Amino acid sequence: MRTMLMNMKQGEIVLIESHEWKWKSATPAYLCRRVEEKTKWKFVCEKALQPKSGWLITRVE
């Protein structure tokens, strides 16, 4: 997943489905914050509209 975030261009949106995310103790927002600490990029991580469908991640900077 980290590789996917590192390959994103500004303005791109990625959907991470619930069944793809294997971490039980964290959400994709945690991973986004770690990448932001290492780079000057910014991400927006939101729950998808349908319950249990996943997360939408947008690279904004």
Protein backbone atom coordinates (compact mmCIF):
# COMPACT_ATOMS: atom_id res chain seq x y z
CA MET A 1 0.00 0.00 0.00
CA ARG A 2 2.84 2.39 0.79
CA THR A 3 4.23 1.89 -2.71
CA MET A 4 0.84 2.79 -4.16
CA LEU A 5 0.82 6.04 -2.14
CA MET A 6 4.38 6.88 -3.16
CA ASN A 7 3.47 6.45 -6.85
CA MET A 8 0.44 8.75 -6.70
CA LYS A 9 0.51 12.03 -8.57
CA GLN A 10 -1.10 15.19 -7.28
CA GLY A 11 -4.88 15.07 -7.75
CA GLU A 12 -5.10 11.27 -8.10
CA ILE A 13 -7.69 9.31 -6.13
CA VAL A 14 -7.34 5.70 -5.00
CA LEU A 15 -9.98 3.41 -3.51
CA ILE A 16 -8.73 0.91 -0.95
CA GLU A 17 -11.42 -1.68 -0.38
CA SER A 18 -11.97 -3.12 3.09
CA HIS A 19 -10.94 -6.63 2.08
CA GLU A 20 -7.60 -5.29 0.73
CA TRP A 21 -6.65 -3.65 4.04
CA LYS A 22 -5.14 -6.26 6.39
CA TRP A 23 -4.06 -4.08 9.34
CA LYS A 24 -6.42 -4.59 12.26
CA SER A 25 -4.99 -1.86 14.48
CA ALA A 26 -4.94 1.04 11.98
CA THR A 27 -6.70 2.55 9.00
CA PRO A 28 -5.15 3.79 5.75
CA ALA A 29 -5.12 7.29 7.27
CA TYR A 30 -2.31 6.08 9.55
CA LEU A 31 -0.22 5.10 6.54
CA CYS A 32 -0.98 8.43 4.84
CA ARG A 33 0.29 10.33 7.90
CA ARG A 34 3.54 8.31 7.91
CA VAL A 35 4.15 9.12 4.22
CA GLU A 36 3.39 12.79 4.90
CA GLU A 37 6.06 12.80 7.61
CA LYS A 38 8.69 11.51 5.16
CA THR A 39 7.66 13.76 2.24
CA LYS A 40 6.07 17.17 1.84
CA TRP A 41 2.95 15.61 0.31
CA LYS A 42 -0.54 15.87 1.76
CA PHE A 43 -3.31 13.28 1.55
CA VAL A 44 -7.01 13.27 2.35
CA CYS A 45 -8.28 9.90 3.57
CA GLU A 46 -12.04 9.42 3.86
CA LYS A 47 -14.39 6.52 4.41
CA ALA A 48 -16.22 5.56 1.24
CA LEU A 49 -19.94 6.34 1.18
CA GLN A 50 -21.14 2.74 1.25
CA PRO A 51 -20.66 1.00 4.61
CA LYS A 52 -17.72 -1.41 4.77
CA SER A 53 -16.66 -0.62 1.21
CA GLY A 54 -13.32 1.00 2.05
CA TRP A 55 -11.48 4.32 1.95
CA LEU A 56 -10.87 7.00 -0.67
CA ILE A 57 -7.39 8.51 -0.61
CA THR A 58 -6.65 11.70 -2.52
CA ARG A 59 -3.21 13.25 -2.91
CA VAL A 60 -3.76 17.00 -2.63
CA GLU A 61 -0.15 18.27 -2.61
